[in-house]
Structures are given as C-alpha cells and as structure tokens.
N, C-alpha and C. Protein backbone atom coordinates (compact mmCIF):
# COMPACT_ATOMS: atom_id res chain seq x y z
N UNK A 1 58.23 185.48 70.88
CA UNK A 1 58.55 184.42 71.75
C UNK A 1 57.38 184.10 72.70
N UNK A 2 56.81 185.15 73.30
CA UNK A 2 55.67 184.91 74.20
C UNK A 2 54.47 184.35 73.53
N UNK A 3 54.19 184.81 72.33
CA UNK A 3 53.02 184.34 71.59
C UNK A 3 53.12 182.85 71.38
N UNK A 4 54.25 182.36 70.90
CA UNK A 4 54.41 180.94 70.67
C UNK A 4 54.36 180.13 71.95
N UNK A 5 54.88 180.69 73.01
CA UNK A 5 54.88 179.96 74.30
C UNK A 5 53.45 179.70 74.81
N UNK A 6 52.57 180.69 74.55
CA UNK A 6 51.18 180.54 75.02
C UNK A 6 50.33 179.88 73.95
N UNK A 7 50.77 179.90 72.69
CA UNK A 7 50.03 179.23 71.64
C UNK A 7 50.02 177.72 71.82
N UNK A 8 51.12 177.19 72.32
CA UNK A 8 51.23 175.73 72.52
C UNK A 8 50.10 175.18 73.35
N UNK A 9 49.85 175.68 74.57
CA UNK A 9 48.73 175.11 75.36
C UNK A 9 47.37 175.43 74.75
N UNK A 10 47.22 176.56 74.10
CA UNK A 10 45.91 176.85 73.47
C UNK A 10 45.71 175.88 72.34
N UNK A 11 46.73 175.61 71.54
CA UNK A 11 46.58 174.66 70.46
C UNK A 11 46.24 173.27 70.98
N UNK A 12 46.88 172.90 72.06
CA UNK A 12 46.58 171.57 72.72
C UNK A 12 45.11 171.52 73.13
N UNK A 13 44.63 172.60 73.72
CA UNK A 13 43.26 172.64 74.21
C UNK A 13 42.25 172.61 73.01
N UNK A 14 42.69 173.12 71.87
CA UNK A 14 41.81 173.08 70.70
C UNK A 14 41.94 171.83 69.89
N UNK A 15 42.74 170.89 70.39
CA UNK A 15 42.89 169.61 69.70
C UNK A 15 43.95 169.66 68.60
N UNK A 16 44.74 170.67 68.53
CA UNK A 16 45.78 170.80 67.53
C UNK A 16 47.12 170.32 68.11
N UNK A 17 47.16 169.03 68.44
CA UNK A 17 48.30 168.47 69.13
C UNK A 17 49.58 168.55 68.33
N UNK A 18 49.48 168.38 67.02
CA UNK A 18 50.67 168.43 66.16
C UNK A 18 51.34 169.86 66.26
N UNK A 19 50.52 170.88 66.21
CA UNK A 19 51.02 172.24 66.31
C UNK A 19 51.64 172.46 67.71
N UNK A 20 50.96 172.02 68.75
CA UNK A 20 51.49 172.16 70.12
C UNK A 20 52.83 171.43 70.26
N UNK A 21 52.91 170.25 69.74
CA UNK A 21 54.15 169.48 69.81
C UNK A 21 55.26 170.17 69.05
N UNK A 22 54.93 170.69 67.87
CA UNK A 22 55.98 171.37 67.06
C UNK A 22 56.52 172.62 67.83
N UNK A 23 55.62 173.36 68.47
CA UNK A 23 56.06 174.50 69.21
C UNK A 23 56.94 174.11 70.40
N UNK A 24 56.56 173.04 71.07
CA UNK A 24 57.36 172.58 72.19
C UNK A 24 58.74 172.12 71.72
N UNK A 25 58.78 171.48 70.60
CA UNK A 25 60.09 171.03 70.09
C UNK A 25 60.92 172.25 69.69
N UNK A 26 60.37 173.19 69.03
CA UNK A 26 61.09 174.39 68.59
C UNK A 26 61.63 175.18 69.83
N UNK A 27 60.82 175.26 70.84
CA UNK A 27 61.19 176.03 72.04
C UNK A 27 62.19 175.29 72.91
N UNK A 28 62.43 173.99 72.64
CA UNK A 28 63.45 173.30 73.40
C UNK A 28 64.81 173.90 73.15
N UNK A 29 64.99 174.63 72.06
CA UNK A 29 66.24 175.33 71.78
C UNK A 29 66.51 176.44 72.81
N UNK A 30 65.43 176.93 73.44
CA UNK A 30 65.56 178.03 74.42
C UNK A 30 65.59 177.59 75.84
N UNK A 31 64.81 176.55 76.17
CA UNK A 31 64.77 176.14 77.57
C UNK A 31 64.33 174.67 77.64
N UNK A 32 64.61 174.00 78.77
CA UNK A 32 64.31 172.58 78.89
C UNK A 32 62.84 172.26 79.12
N UNK A 33 62.02 173.26 79.46
CA UNK A 33 60.57 173.11 79.62
C UNK A 33 60.22 171.99 80.70
N UNK A 34 60.84 172.18 81.85
CA UNK A 34 60.53 171.24 82.96
C UNK A 34 59.12 171.52 83.41
N UNK A 35 58.29 170.50 83.56
CA UNK A 35 56.92 170.70 83.95
C UNK A 35 56.76 171.42 85.27
N UNK A 36 57.62 171.12 86.24
CA UNK A 36 57.53 171.79 87.57
C UNK A 36 57.99 173.26 87.57
N UNK A 37 58.53 173.70 86.44
CA UNK A 37 59.00 175.09 86.30
C UNK A 37 58.19 175.81 85.25
N UNK A 38 57.09 175.24 84.81
CA UNK A 38 56.30 175.84 83.75
C UNK A 38 54.92 176.24 84.22
N UNK A 39 54.35 177.20 83.52
CA UNK A 39 52.97 177.53 83.76
C UNK A 39 52.11 176.56 82.98
N UNK A 40 50.87 176.37 83.41
CA UNK A 40 49.97 175.50 82.73
C UNK A 40 48.70 176.34 82.38
N UNK A 41 48.28 176.19 81.15
CA UNK A 41 47.16 176.93 80.66
C UNK A 41 46.20 175.92 80.02
N UNK A 42 44.95 175.92 80.46
CA UNK A 42 43.95 174.97 79.94
C UNK A 42 44.40 173.52 80.13
N UNK A 43 45.14 173.24 81.20
CA UNK A 43 45.66 171.92 81.49
C UNK A 43 46.80 171.50 80.69
N UNK A 44 47.42 172.42 79.89
CA UNK A 44 48.60 172.06 79.08
C UNK A 44 49.72 173.00 79.39
N UNK A 45 50.92 172.48 79.26
CA UNK A 45 52.13 173.21 79.62
C UNK A 45 52.50 174.28 78.57
N UNK A 46 52.98 175.44 79.07
CA UNK A 46 53.46 176.48 78.13
C UNK A 46 54.80 176.01 77.59
N UNK A 47 55.19 176.57 76.45
CA UNK A 47 56.41 176.18 75.75
C UNK A 47 57.67 176.82 76.30
N UNK A 48 57.53 177.71 77.26
CA UNK A 48 58.65 178.30 77.98
C UNK A 48 58.42 178.17 79.44
N UNK A 49 59.50 178.10 80.21
CA UNK A 49 59.38 178.03 81.67
C UNK A 49 59.00 179.40 82.26
N UNK A 50 58.65 179.37 83.53
CA UNK A 50 58.19 180.58 84.21
C UNK A 50 59.20 181.75 84.09
N UNK A 51 60.47 181.44 84.39
CA UNK A 51 61.48 182.49 84.37
C UNK A 51 61.65 183.08 82.98
N UNK A 52 61.64 182.23 81.93
CA UNK A 52 61.77 182.77 80.57
C UNK A 52 60.60 183.56 80.15
N UNK A 53 59.41 183.18 80.53
CA UNK A 53 58.21 183.95 80.21
C UNK A 53 58.31 185.32 80.88
N UNK A 54 58.71 185.34 82.14
CA UNK A 54 58.91 186.61 82.86
C UNK A 54 59.93 187.47 82.20
N UNK A 55 61.05 186.84 81.75
CA UNK A 55 62.15 187.58 81.14
C UNK A 55 61.71 188.17 79.80
N UNK A 56 61.07 187.40 78.95
CA UNK A 56 60.64 187.93 77.66
C UNK A 56 59.53 188.98 77.82
N UNK A 57 58.68 188.76 78.82
CA UNK A 57 57.61 189.72 79.06
C UNK A 57 58.17 191.05 79.54
N UNK A 58 59.15 190.98 80.48
CA UNK A 58 59.73 192.21 81.02
C UNK A 58 60.52 192.95 79.95
N UNK A 59 61.20 192.15 79.07
CA UNK A 59 61.93 192.79 77.98
C UNK A 59 60.98 193.53 77.06
N UNK A 60 59.85 192.91 76.76
CA UNK A 60 58.86 193.54 75.88
C UNK A 60 58.35 194.86 76.51
N UNK A 61 57.96 194.80 77.76
CA UNK A 61 57.42 195.97 78.45
C UNK A 61 58.50 197.06 78.57
N UNK A 62 59.71 196.70 78.97
CA UNK A 62 60.79 197.67 79.10
C UNK A 62 61.15 198.26 77.72
N UNK A 63 61.13 197.41 76.69
CA UNK A 63 61.41 197.92 75.36
C UNK A 63 60.39 198.91 74.88
N UNK A 64 59.14 198.64 75.17
CA UNK A 64 58.08 199.62 74.82
C UNK A 64 58.25 200.93 75.59
N UNK A 65 58.59 200.82 76.88
CA UNK A 65 58.83 202.02 77.68
C UNK A 65 59.99 202.80 77.13
N UNK A 66 61.08 202.07 76.83
CA UNK A 66 62.28 202.79 76.31
C UNK A 66 61.99 203.45 74.97
N UNK A 67 61.28 202.80 74.10
CA UNK A 67 60.96 203.34 72.79
C UNK A 67 60.10 204.61 72.93
N UNK A 68 59.23 204.65 73.91
CA UNK A 68 58.38 205.82 74.08
C UNK A 68 59.09 206.99 74.72
N UNK A 69 60.23 206.74 75.36
CA UNK A 69 60.98 207.81 76.05
C UNK A 69 62.46 207.83 75.59
N UNK A 70 62.70 207.32 74.41
CA UNK A 70 64.05 207.19 73.91
C UNK A 70 64.84 208.46 73.93
N UNK A 71 64.23 209.56 73.61
CA UNK A 71 65.00 210.86 73.54
C UNK A 71 65.56 211.28 74.89
N UNK A 72 64.80 211.04 75.97
CA UNK A 72 65.27 211.51 77.27
C UNK A 72 65.55 210.35 78.27
N UNK A 73 65.52 209.11 77.78
CA UNK A 73 65.78 207.98 78.65
C UNK A 73 67.24 207.95 79.06
N UNK A 74 67.51 207.70 80.33
CA UNK A 74 68.85 207.59 80.82
C UNK A 74 69.23 206.10 80.88
N UNK A 75 70.50 205.82 80.55
CA UNK A 75 71.01 204.47 80.65
C UNK A 75 71.04 204.05 82.13
N UNK A 76 70.61 202.84 82.40
CA UNK A 76 70.70 202.29 83.75
C UNK A 76 72.17 202.12 84.06
N UNK A 77 72.66 202.64 85.15
CA UNK A 77 74.07 202.46 85.51
C UNK A 77 74.42 200.97 85.68
N UNK A 78 75.65 200.64 85.25
CA UNK A 78 76.09 199.23 85.34
C UNK A 78 76.01 198.67 86.77
N UNK A 79 76.31 199.49 87.75
CA UNK A 79 76.26 199.01 89.12
C UNK A 79 74.84 198.62 89.54
N UNK A 80 73.85 199.42 89.02
CA UNK A 80 72.47 199.12 89.36
C UNK A 80 71.97 197.88 88.60
N UNK A 81 72.43 197.74 87.36
CA UNK A 81 72.10 196.52 86.60
C UNK A 81 72.65 195.29 87.35
N UNK A 82 73.88 195.38 87.84
CA UNK A 82 74.48 194.30 88.60
C UNK A 82 73.71 193.99 89.83
N UNK A 83 73.35 195.04 90.58
CA UNK A 83 72.60 194.89 91.82
C UNK A 83 71.25 194.25 91.59
N UNK A 84 70.53 194.66 90.52
CA UNK A 84 69.21 194.10 90.22
C UNK A 84 69.30 192.68 89.67
N UNK A 85 70.48 192.23 89.28
CA UNK A 85 70.71 190.87 88.77
C UNK A 85 70.91 189.88 89.92
N UNK A 86 71.33 190.40 91.07
CA UNK A 86 71.68 189.51 92.23
C UNK A 86 70.51 188.60 92.63
N UNK A 87 69.29 189.05 92.72
CA UNK A 87 68.20 188.12 93.20
C UNK A 87 68.09 186.91 92.28
N UNK A 88 68.18 187.07 90.96
CA UNK A 88 68.08 185.90 90.09
C UNK A 88 69.31 185.02 90.22
N UNK A 89 70.49 185.61 90.38
CA UNK A 89 71.69 184.82 90.57
C UNK A 89 71.56 183.98 91.85
N UNK A 90 71.11 184.61 92.91
CA UNK A 90 70.93 183.82 94.18
C UNK A 90 69.90 182.70 94.01
N UNK A 91 68.80 182.99 93.33
CA UNK A 91 67.77 181.98 93.11
C UNK A 91 68.32 180.82 92.31
N UNK A 92 69.02 181.08 91.20
CA UNK A 92 69.55 180.01 90.38
C UNK A 92 70.62 179.22 91.06
N UNK A 93 71.55 179.91 91.69
CA UNK A 93 72.68 179.18 92.33
C UNK A 93 72.22 178.39 93.55
N UNK A 94 71.36 178.96 94.37
CA UNK A 94 70.87 178.24 95.53
C UNK A 94 70.05 177.03 95.15
N UNK A 95 69.28 177.15 94.07
CA UNK A 95 68.50 176.02 93.61
C UNK A 95 69.38 174.95 93.01
N UNK A 96 70.37 175.39 92.22
CA UNK A 96 71.28 174.44 91.58
C UNK A 96 72.10 173.65 92.57
N UNK A 97 72.47 174.26 93.68
CA UNK A 97 73.28 173.59 94.70
C UNK A 97 72.43 172.79 95.69
N UNK A 98 71.13 172.85 95.49
CA UNK A 98 70.25 172.11 96.38
C UNK A 98 70.03 172.75 97.74
N UNK A 99 70.39 174.01 97.88
CA UNK A 99 70.21 174.70 99.14
C UNK A 99 68.76 174.96 99.45
N UNK A 100 68.01 175.24 98.40
CA UNK A 100 66.57 175.51 98.52
C UNK A 100 65.93 175.19 97.18
N UNK A 101 64.64 175.06 97.22
CA UNK A 101 63.87 174.82 95.99
C UNK A 101 63.14 176.13 95.64
N UNK A 102 63.33 176.57 94.40
CA UNK A 102 62.72 177.79 93.92
C UNK A 102 61.25 177.52 93.66
N UNK A 103 60.44 178.58 93.78
CA UNK A 103 59.01 178.43 93.45
C UNK A 103 58.68 179.30 92.27
N UNK A 104 57.45 179.17 91.78
CA UNK A 104 57.04 179.86 90.57
C UNK A 104 57.11 181.40 90.75
N UNK A 105 56.75 181.90 91.91
CA UNK A 105 56.76 183.32 92.18
C UNK A 105 58.17 183.90 92.14
N UNK A 106 59.08 183.20 92.80
CA UNK A 106 60.48 183.64 92.85
C UNK A 106 61.11 183.59 91.44
N UNK A 107 60.84 182.57 90.71
CA UNK A 107 61.39 182.47 89.36
C UNK A 107 60.84 183.59 88.48
N UNK A 108 59.56 183.92 88.72
CA UNK A 108 58.91 184.94 87.89
C UNK A 108 59.47 186.34 88.24
N UNK A 109 59.47 186.72 89.49
CA UNK A 109 59.88 188.09 89.81
C UNK A 109 61.37 188.31 89.63
N UNK A 110 62.24 187.30 89.90
CA UNK A 110 63.66 187.47 89.70
C UNK A 110 64.00 187.57 88.22
N UNK A 111 63.33 186.72 87.38
CA UNK A 111 63.57 186.77 85.95
C UNK A 111 63.09 188.07 85.34
N UNK A 112 61.93 188.53 85.79
CA UNK A 112 61.42 189.80 85.29
C UNK A 112 62.27 190.99 85.69
N UNK A 113 62.74 190.97 86.94
CA UNK A 113 63.59 192.09 87.41
C UNK A 113 64.92 192.12 86.63
N UNK A 114 65.51 190.95 86.41
CA UNK A 114 66.78 190.90 85.66
C UNK A 114 66.59 191.41 84.24
N UNK A 115 65.56 190.94 83.59
CA UNK A 115 65.36 191.33 82.19
C UNK A 115 64.99 192.80 82.07
N UNK A 116 64.25 193.33 83.02
CA UNK A 116 63.95 194.77 83.00
C UNK A 116 65.24 195.55 83.14
N UNK A 117 66.09 195.22 84.06
CA UNK A 117 67.40 195.90 84.28
C UNK A 117 68.29 195.74 83.05
N UNK A 118 68.35 194.52 82.52
CA UNK A 118 69.18 194.28 81.37
C UNK A 118 68.75 195.12 80.17
N UNK A 119 67.46 195.18 79.92
CA UNK A 119 66.97 195.94 78.78
C UNK A 119 67.26 197.41 78.95
N UNK A 120 67.02 197.98 80.12
CA UNK A 120 67.25 199.41 80.35
C UNK A 120 68.72 199.77 80.40
N UNK A 121 69.57 198.77 80.61
CA UNK A 121 71.00 199.00 80.56
C UNK A 121 71.51 198.87 79.10
N UNK A 122 71.04 197.87 78.38
CA UNK A 122 71.57 197.56 77.05
C UNK A 122 71.00 198.39 75.95
N UNK A 123 69.73 198.68 75.90
CA UNK A 123 69.11 199.36 74.76
C UNK A 123 69.76 200.72 74.48
N UNK A 124 70.15 201.52 75.44
CA UNK A 124 70.85 202.75 75.12
C UNK A 124 72.20 202.53 74.40
N UNK A 125 72.87 201.46 74.80
CA UNK A 125 74.13 201.10 74.10
C UNK A 125 73.86 200.75 72.63
N UNK A 126 72.82 199.98 72.42
CA UNK A 126 72.45 199.60 71.03
C UNK A 126 72.08 200.85 70.23
N UNK A 127 71.34 201.77 70.83
CA UNK A 127 71.01 203.04 70.20
C UNK A 127 72.27 203.81 69.78
N UNK A 128 73.21 203.91 70.71
CA UNK A 128 74.45 204.60 70.45
C UNK A 128 75.25 203.93 69.33
N UNK A 129 75.30 202.63 69.32
CA UNK A 129 76.01 201.90 68.30
C UNK A 129 75.44 202.15 66.94
N UNK A 130 74.11 202.10 66.82
CA UNK A 130 73.48 202.36 65.51
C UNK A 130 73.67 203.80 65.08
N UNK A 131 73.60 204.73 66.03
CA UNK A 131 73.77 206.15 65.68
C UNK A 131 75.20 206.37 65.20
N UNK A 132 76.18 205.75 65.87
CA UNK A 132 77.58 205.87 65.42
C UNK A 132 77.76 205.27 64.05
N UNK A 133 77.18 204.11 63.79
CA UNK A 133 77.34 203.44 62.49
C UNK A 133 76.66 204.31 61.43
N UNK A 134 75.55 204.94 61.74
CA UNK A 134 74.85 205.78 60.76
C UNK A 134 75.70 207.02 60.45
N UNK A 135 76.35 207.60 61.47
CA UNK A 135 77.22 208.76 61.27
C UNK A 135 78.40 208.42 60.38
N UNK A 136 79.01 207.27 60.64
CA UNK A 136 80.13 206.82 59.87
C UNK A 136 79.76 206.57 58.41
N UNK A 137 78.61 205.93 58.23
CA UNK A 137 78.11 205.62 56.88
C UNK A 137 77.81 206.88 56.12
N UNK A 138 77.13 207.82 56.78
CA UNK A 138 76.80 209.12 56.16
C UNK A 138 78.08 209.86 55.79
N UNK A 139 79.10 209.88 56.68
CA UNK A 139 80.31 210.59 56.43
C UNK A 139 81.07 209.93 55.25
N UNK A 140 81.11 208.58 55.24
CA UNK A 140 81.80 207.88 54.15
C UNK A 140 81.14 208.13 52.83
N UNK A 141 79.80 208.18 52.82
CA UNK A 141 79.08 208.46 51.55
C UNK A 141 79.36 209.84 51.10
N UNK A 142 79.43 210.82 52.03
CA UNK A 142 79.68 212.22 51.63
C UNK A 142 81.09 212.33 51.04
N UNK A 143 82.05 211.66 51.64
CA UNK A 143 83.44 211.67 51.11
C UNK A 143 83.48 211.08 49.71
N UNK A 144 82.81 210.00 49.49
CA UNK A 144 82.80 209.36 48.17
C UNK A 144 82.14 210.24 47.13
N UNK A 145 81.05 210.88 47.47
CA UNK A 145 80.35 211.75 46.54
C UNK A 145 81.21 212.97 46.21
N UNK A 146 81.89 213.55 47.25
CA UNK A 146 82.73 214.70 46.98
C UNK A 146 83.95 214.36 46.16
N UNK A 147 84.39 213.10 46.27
CA UNK A 147 85.61 212.72 45.51
C UNK A 147 85.30 212.48 44.04
N UNK A 148 84.08 212.27 43.69
CA UNK A 148 83.68 212.06 42.29
C UNK A 148 83.48 213.38 41.63
N UNK A 149 83.81 213.45 40.37
CA UNK A 149 83.65 214.68 39.62
C UNK A 149 82.16 214.96 39.45
N UNK A 150 81.72 216.18 39.77
CA UNK A 150 80.29 216.55 39.66
C UNK A 150 79.77 216.35 38.24
N UNK A 151 78.58 215.84 38.16
CA UNK A 151 77.93 215.69 36.86
C UNK A 151 78.38 214.46 36.06
N UNK A 152 79.23 213.64 36.65
CA UNK A 152 79.71 212.45 35.94
C UNK A 152 78.84 211.26 36.34
N UNK A 153 78.98 210.18 35.54
CA UNK A 153 78.20 208.97 35.84
C UNK A 153 78.64 208.41 37.20
N UNK A 154 79.93 208.56 37.54
CA UNK A 154 80.40 208.06 38.81
C UNK A 154 79.71 208.73 39.97
N UNK A 155 79.54 210.07 39.92
CA UNK A 155 78.85 210.81 40.99
C UNK A 155 77.39 210.43 41.06
N UNK A 156 76.74 210.24 39.90
CA UNK A 156 75.35 209.86 39.86
C UNK A 156 75.17 208.46 40.46
N UNK A 157 76.06 207.56 40.11
CA UNK A 157 75.99 206.17 40.66
C UNK A 157 76.11 206.19 42.23
N UNK A 158 77.01 207.02 42.73
CA UNK A 158 77.17 207.07 44.18
C UNK A 158 75.95 207.62 44.89
N UNK A 159 75.21 208.48 44.22
CA UNK A 159 74.03 209.08 44.82
C UNK A 159 72.78 208.21 44.81
N UNK A 160 72.84 207.15 43.99
CA UNK A 160 71.69 206.23 43.87
C UNK A 160 71.56 205.42 45.15
N UNK A 161 70.32 205.28 45.58
CA UNK A 161 70.01 204.43 46.75
C UNK A 161 69.82 203.02 46.25
N UNK A 162 70.55 202.10 46.83
CA UNK A 162 70.45 200.69 46.37
C UNK A 162 69.84 199.86 47.41
C-alpha cells in the first residue's frame, strides 16, 4: 500500500503521468485523496491521504515488531486499544462536525497511534485463530488416517499431501 502511494508522485515527477494517474484511480477505492489532506512529494500528491499513510506505516512497523517477538508478545488489552483510539475519534468527529480543522500533524499521529494499537490488539487473535485451525486440521487428519485400514490404498491416499 505504501509503496504505491509514494510511487504515484515519483512517477509524476519522472514524467510517467499515465502510471501516476492509474495509481491514483486505483487508490480511490481506499480514500478520497483530498489535496489538503495529502502529502506532496516532488510537487505531486501522494495516492493516500496523511492519515492512511500513517495507519499503513504504523501497521507495517507494528507487524514487524510483533513478528520479531511473537513468542512472548502480549495482546494489547481491549480497554487500552479503546483508549488509544480516542484521539483519532475526536479528530475525525470534531473535524466532521466543523468544530475544528484538523492539520497534517494531528491526522498523522492519531492515525499512526490507532493503527499501532489495532495491530497489537488484533494480531495475537489472528495467531490464535490460525493455531486453532491448524490443531483442528491436524486432529481431523489423524482421525481419518487412523480410521483407514493400515497398508491400504485409502490410508496411503489420506497421507498424501495435496
């Protein structure tokens, strides 16, 4: 996500306007790309807004951290995830209601903080889900193999990796 967001202005600067336009069109599925909410690189707009760039960047960094410490990483408590989400909620709601105008710095740090918290809360759940699915699959395969008569074609077929 981040690579494409930054490729668009680089492509524009290199005179590859068709590529830059295609990236902007593709990224419209993710965000509206408002010029006043976007970073500009080499005089051209990035294909994601400031908050989305911060969110994807924080998810990438938090994901790398989690992967490096997966064995002993603790799940972020739900209450802390909720608390760390409040600044972005306040920024979005207050801006949407016209109470205040958000700036690039606020959009960046609130989006990054939310995504960091979300990643550290969610990734352990995903790990548990896959571990559970793997255990169920392994158990089911063992039951199937045990139910087949040893040395038969049926048992051999069940042992084959497909």
